Amino acid sequence: MSHHPLVSIVDDDESARRAMANLARSLGWRVQVFDSAEALLLSGAFDDVQCVISDVQMPGMTGVDMQDRLIERGVKLPIIFVSAFATDTLRQRAYANGALCFLTKPVDGAVVARLLDSIGHAA
């Protein structure tokens, strides 16, 4: 395993996915990207992952539903959710399931940097 932490980024919006990946790489993280929650779940690539950054509202499965599926599989990872249209119900559900943070789009890169830094030092 590399000494650089690994983050999985899940977002159906290619430009948002690319921007978040570039930010994480600039902070020294290895990155794997997925264009849907289903793609992440199908990958089964969770062993080295220290964090997931996921959009909430995506076609098909939502990010919060993905979190439920991960928990059902016994995969407990810190998840940073990002959303432009988050409801209080979704926020409460995500936090009840252990979400690390729930950010509103557009995301402040400095906030993401602080969160990833805290996770990376704990890994």
Protein backbone atom coordinates (compact mmCIF):
# COMPACT_ATOMS: atom_id res chain seq x y z
CA MET A 1 0.00 0.00 0.00
CA SER A 2 1.27 3.49 -0.84
CA HIS A 3 1.99 5.91 1.97
CA HIS A 4 -0.39 8.37 0.31
CA PRO A 5 -4.01 8.03 1.48
CA LEU A 6 -6.70 7.04 -1.04
CA VAL A 7 -9.99 8.88 -1.53
CA SER A 8 -12.93 7.73 -3.65
CA ILE A 9 -14.82 10.54 -5.36
CA VAL A 10 -18.37 9.87 -6.52
CA ASP A 11 -20.17 12.45 -8.65
CA ASP A 12 -22.22 12.20 -11.84
CA ASP A 13 -21.04 15.67 -12.92
CA GLU A 14 -17.74 15.20 -14.74
CA SER A 15 -16.46 18.73 -14.11
CA ALA A 16 -17.24 18.54 -10.38
CA ARG A 17 -15.66 15.08 -10.19
CA ARG A 18 -12.53 16.29 -11.99
CA ALA A 19 -12.23 19.43 -9.84
CA MET A 20 -12.53 17.45 -6.60
CA ALA A 21 -10.02 14.87 -7.86
CA ASN A 22 -7.54 17.62 -8.78
CA LEU A 23 -7.95 19.20 -5.35
CA ALA A 24 -7.39 15.88 -3.57
CA ARG A 25 -4.33 15.09 -5.71
CA SER A 26 -2.87 18.54 -4.99
CA LEU A 27 -3.14 17.66 -1.29
CA GLY A 28 -1.16 14.45 -1.75
CA TRP A 29 -4.05 12.00 -1.94
CA ARG A 30 -4.34 9.12 -4.39
CA VAL A 31 -7.72 9.31 -6.11
CA GLN A 32 -10.20 6.92 -7.65
CA VAL A 33 -13.25 8.42 -9.33
CA PHE A 34 -16.70 7.03 -10.00
CA ASP A 35 -19.55 8.56 -12.01
CA SER A 36 -22.25 6.93 -9.90
CA ALA A 37 -22.91 5.36 -6.52
CA GLU A 38 -23.55 2.06 -8.27
CA ALA A 39 -20.11 2.20 -9.93
CA LEU A 40 -18.42 2.62 -6.56
CA LEU A 41 -20.37 -0.26 -5.06
CA LEU A 42 -19.67 -2.53 -8.03
CA SER A 43 -15.95 -1.78 -7.85
CA GLY A 44 -15.60 -3.42 -4.45
CA ALA A 45 -12.41 -1.34 -4.10
CA PHE A 46 -12.63 -0.35 -0.45
CA ASP A 47 -9.58 -1.93 1.20
CA ASP A 48 -7.22 1.04 0.91
CA VAL A 49 -9.84 3.81 0.89
CA GLN A 50 -9.60 6.25 3.80
CA CYS A 51 -12.44 8.55 2.71
CA VAL A 52 -15.31 8.96 0.24
CA ILE A 53 -16.41 12.31 -1.15
CA SER A 54 -19.83 11.92 -2.71
CA ASP A 55 -22.49 14.01 -4.34
CA VAL A 56 -25.91 13.38 -2.85
CA GLN A 57 -28.31 13.80 -5.76
CA MET A 58 -27.33 11.57 -8.67
CA PRO A 59 -29.34 9.63 -11.24
CA GLY A 60 -30.12 6.18 -9.88
CA MET A 61 -28.86 5.71 -6.35
CA THR A 62 -28.29 8.74 -4.13
CA GLY A 63 -25.12 9.21 -2.14
CA VAL A 64 -27.01 8.59 1.09
CA ASP A 65 -28.42 5.32 -0.30
CA MET A 66 -24.85 4.37 -1.24
CA GLN A 67 -23.85 5.03 2.37
CA ASP A 68 -26.60 2.63 3.50
CA ARG A 69 -25.32 -0.08 1.11
CA LEU A 70 -21.75 0.36 2.34
CA ILE A 71 -22.87 0.00 5.95
CA GLU A 72 -24.86 -3.14 5.03
CA ARG A 73 -21.62 -4.59 3.62
CA GLY A 74 -19.73 -3.74 6.79
CA VAL A 75 -17.77 -0.96 5.08
CA LYS A 76 -17.55 2.05 7.37
CA LEU A 77 -15.68 4.94 5.83
CA PRO A 78 -15.71 8.64 6.58
CA ILE A 79 -17.95 10.21 3.95
CA ILE A 80 -17.98 13.85 2.99
CA PHE A 81 -21.24 14.62 1.24
CA VAL A 82 -21.68 17.53 -1.15
CA SER A 83 -24.99 18.76 -2.47
CA ALA A 84 -26.62 21.77 -4.02
CA PHE A 85 -30.10 20.70 -2.89
CA ALA A 86 -29.82 18.83 0.38
CA THR A 87 -32.90 18.45 2.52
CA ASP A 88 -32.80 18.37 6.30
CA THR A 89 -34.08 14.79 6.16
CA LEU A 90 -31.14 13.68 3.98
CA ARG A 91 -28.66 15.52 6.19
CA GLN A 92 -30.07 13.93 9.34
CA ARG A 93 -30.01 10.46 7.77
CA ALA A 94 -26.43 10.90 6.56
CA TYR A 95 -25.20 12.13 9.94
CA ALA A 96 -27.11 9.38 11.78
CA ASN A 97 -25.21 6.89 9.60
CA GLY A 98 -21.86 8.46 10.46
CA ALA A 99 -21.26 11.04 7.72
CA LEU A 100 -18.20 13.15 8.44
CA CYS A 101 -19.55 16.31 6.88
CA PHE A 102 -22.32 17.64 4.64
CA LEU A 103 -21.11 20.50 2.43
CA THR A 104 -23.17 22.76 0.20
CA LYS A 105 -22.18 23.36 -3.42
CA PRO A 106 -20.21 25.25 -4.49
CA VAL A 107 -17.75 23.63 -2.12
CA ASP A 108 -15.03 25.66 -0.43
CA GLY A 109 -11.75 23.94 -1.31
CA ALA A 110 -10.14 25.11 1.94
CA VAL A 111 -12.82 23.27 3.94
CA VAL A 112 -12.26 20.08 1.95
CA ALA A 113 -8.50 20.47 2.42
CA ARG A 114 -8.91 20.72 6.22
CA LEU A 115 -11.18 17.67 6.29
CA LEU A 116 -8.86 15.57 4.15
CA ASP A 117 -5.87 16.69 6.18
CA SER A 118 -7.54 15.54 9.40
CA ILE A 119 -8.43 12.17 7.85
CA GLY A 120 -5.01 11.73 6.27
CA HIS A 121 -3.24 12.30 9.58
CA ALA A 122 -5.54 9.82 11.31
CA ALA A 123 -4.93 7.11 8.66
